[in-house]
Amino acid sequence: MAVEKGRPVLLDDRKARDIARKIGIQVIGSLGVLAKSKHAGYIDAAKPLLEGMQKQGIYFGRQLIEHFLRDMHEM
């Protein structure tokens, strides 16, 4: 359906993302959703939501988090 409609899919799993890209599906992850939400003005800050995700057991690498927060001007 994503290919037919030209819509991205929400995936954080590395293997799933790689497979989706190989078959031509546009992929966005959780941090991408947070970034788009902040840029669109739906949220004021991404960091509290990111921290909430981490408390729920979602893992993001340290370097990824640092890069993301710098890009969001929240570091």
C-alpha atoms as a PDB file:
ATOM      1  CA  MET A   1       0.000   0.000   0.000  1.00  0.00           C
ATOM      2  CA  ALA A   2       2.848   2.407   0.816  1.00  0.00           C
ATOM      3  CA  VAL A   3       4.303   1.926  -2.660  1.00  0.00           C
ATOM      4  CA  GLU A   4       0.918   2.268  -4.363  1.00  0.00           C
ATOM      5  CA  LYS A   5       0.053   5.452  -2.484  1.00  0.00           C
ATOM      6  CA  GLY A   6       3.590   6.861  -2.472  1.00  0.00           C
ATOM      7  CA  ARG A   7       3.520   7.185   1.303  1.00  0.00           C
ATOM      8  CA  PRO A   8       6.315   6.556   3.796  1.00  0.00           C
ATOM      9  CA  VAL A   9       6.150   3.865   6.437  1.00  0.00           C
ATOM     10  CA  LEU A  10       7.133   4.337  10.073  1.00  0.00           C
ATOM     11  CA  LEU A  11       9.962   1.925  10.899  1.00  0.00           C
ATOM     12  CA  ASP A  12      12.727   2.058  13.478  1.00  0.00           C
ATOM     13  CA  ASP A  13      14.108  -1.455  13.046  1.00  0.00           C
ATOM     14  CA  ARG A  14      17.320  -1.313  10.979  1.00  0.00           C
ATOM     15  CA  LYS A  15      16.661  -4.527   9.027  1.00  0.00           C
ATOM     16  CA  ALA A  16      13.075  -3.560   8.229  1.00  0.00           C
ATOM     17  CA  ARG A  17      14.188  -0.105   7.090  1.00  0.00           C
ATOM     18  CA  ASP A  18      16.832  -1.591   4.794  1.00  0.00           C
ATOM     19  CA  ILE A  19      14.375  -4.044   3.240  1.00  0.00           C
ATOM     20  CA  ALA A  20      11.728  -1.361   2.754  1.00  0.00           C
ATOM     21  CA  ARG A  21      14.210   0.927   1.009  1.00  0.00           C
ATOM     22  CA  LYS A  22      15.394  -1.904  -1.247  1.00  0.00           C
ATOM     23  CA  ILE A  23      11.858  -2.415  -2.530  1.00  0.00           C
ATOM     24  CA  GLY A  24      11.302   1.305  -3.020  1.00  0.00           C
ATOM     25  CA  ILE A  25       9.365   2.251   0.088  1.00  0.00           C
ATOM     26  CA  GLN A  26      10.112   5.621   1.666  1.00  0.00           C
ATOM     27  CA  VAL A  27      10.909   5.210   5.367  1.00  0.00           C
ATOM     28  CA  ILE A  28      10.635   7.549   8.340  1.00  0.00           C
ATOM     29  CA  GLY A  29      11.594   6.687  11.897  1.00  0.00           C
ATOM     30  CA  SER A  30      10.351   7.917  15.244  1.00  0.00           C
ATOM     31  CA  LEU A  31      12.916  10.698  15.378  1.00  0.00           C
ATOM     32  CA  GLY A  32      11.866  11.781  11.901  1.00  0.00           C
ATOM     33  CA  VAL A  33       8.278  12.043  13.107  1.00  0.00           C
ATOM     34  CA  LEU A  34       9.402  14.136  16.080  1.00  0.00           C
ATOM     35  CA  ALA A  35      11.476  16.395  13.817  1.00  0.00           C
ATOM     36  CA  LYS A  36       8.625  16.919  11.361  1.00  0.00           C
ATOM     37  CA  SER A  37       6.229  17.589  14.233  1.00  0.00           C
ATOM     38  CA  LYS A  38       8.518  20.232  15.714  1.00  0.00           C
ATOM     39  CA  HIS A  39       9.215  21.901  12.367  1.00  0.00           C
ATOM     40  CA  ALA A  40       5.473  22.018  11.639  1.00  0.00           C
ATOM     41  CA  GLY A  41       4.778  23.590  15.039  1.00  0.00           C
ATOM     42  CA  TYR A  42       2.783  20.669  16.442  1.00  0.00           C
ATOM     43  CA  ILE A  43       5.199  20.343  19.363  1.00  0.00           C
ATOM     44  CA  ASP A  44       7.439  22.924  21.023  1.00  0.00           C
ATOM     45  CA  ALA A  45      10.208  20.521  21.977  1.00  0.00           C
ATOM     46  CA  ALA A  46      11.199  17.027  20.922  1.00  0.00           C
ATOM     47  CA  LYS A  47      13.509  16.237  23.836  1.00  0.00           C
ATOM     48  CA  PRO A  48      10.791  15.497  26.434  1.00  0.00           C
ATOM     49  CA  LEU A  49       9.051  13.136  24.006  1.00  0.00           C
ATOM     50  CA  LEU A  50      12.353  11.461  23.147  1.00  0.00           C
ATOM     51  CA  GLU A  51      13.080  10.991  26.848  1.00  0.00           C
ATOM     52  CA  GLY A  52       9.595   9.519  27.342  1.00  0.00           C
ATOM     53  CA  MET A  53      10.239   7.046  24.539  1.00  0.00           C
ATOM     54  CA  GLN A  54      13.517   6.023  26.148  1.00  0.00           C
ATOM     55  CA  LYS A  55      11.797   5.513  29.513  1.00  0.00           C
ATOM     56  CA  GLN A  56       9.400   3.151  27.745  1.00  0.00           C
ATOM     57  CA  GLY A  57      12.371   1.073  26.583  1.00  0.00           C
ATOM     58  CA  ILE A  58      12.922   2.406  23.070  1.00  0.00           C
ATOM     59  CA  TYR A  59      16.641   2.469  22.354  1.00  0.00           C
ATOM     60  CA  PHE A  60      18.461   5.100  20.332  1.00  0.00           C
ATOM     61  CA  GLY A  61      22.243   5.242  20.111  1.00  0.00           C
ATOM     62  CA  ARG A  62      23.993   8.015  22.044  1.00  0.00           C
ATOM     63  CA  GLN A  63      25.472   9.602  18.931  1.00  0.00           C
ATOM     64  CA  LEU A  64      22.120   9.544  17.158  1.00  0.00           C
ATOM     65  CA  ILE A  65      20.467  11.277  20.105  1.00  0.00           C
ATOM     66  CA  GLU A  66      23.185  13.921  20.315  1.00  0.00           C
ATOM     67  CA  HIS A  67      22.995  14.600  16.571  1.00  0.00           C
ATOM     68  CA  PHE A  68      19.189  14.747  16.669  1.00  0.00           C
ATOM     69  CA  LEU A  69      19.066  17.123  19.635  1.00  0.00           C
ATOM     70  CA  ARG A  70      21.667  19.411  18.030  1.00  0.00           C
ATOM     71  CA  ASP A  71      19.602  19.492  14.845  1.00  0.00           C
ATOM     72  CA  MET A  72      16.519  20.330  16.907  1.00  0.00           C
ATOM     73  CA  HIS A  73      18.496  23.072  18.757  1.00  0.00           C
ATOM     74  CA  GLU A  74      17.718  21.356  22.047  1.00  0.00           C
ATOM     75  CA  MET A  75      21.213  20.578  23.274  1.00  0.00           C
END
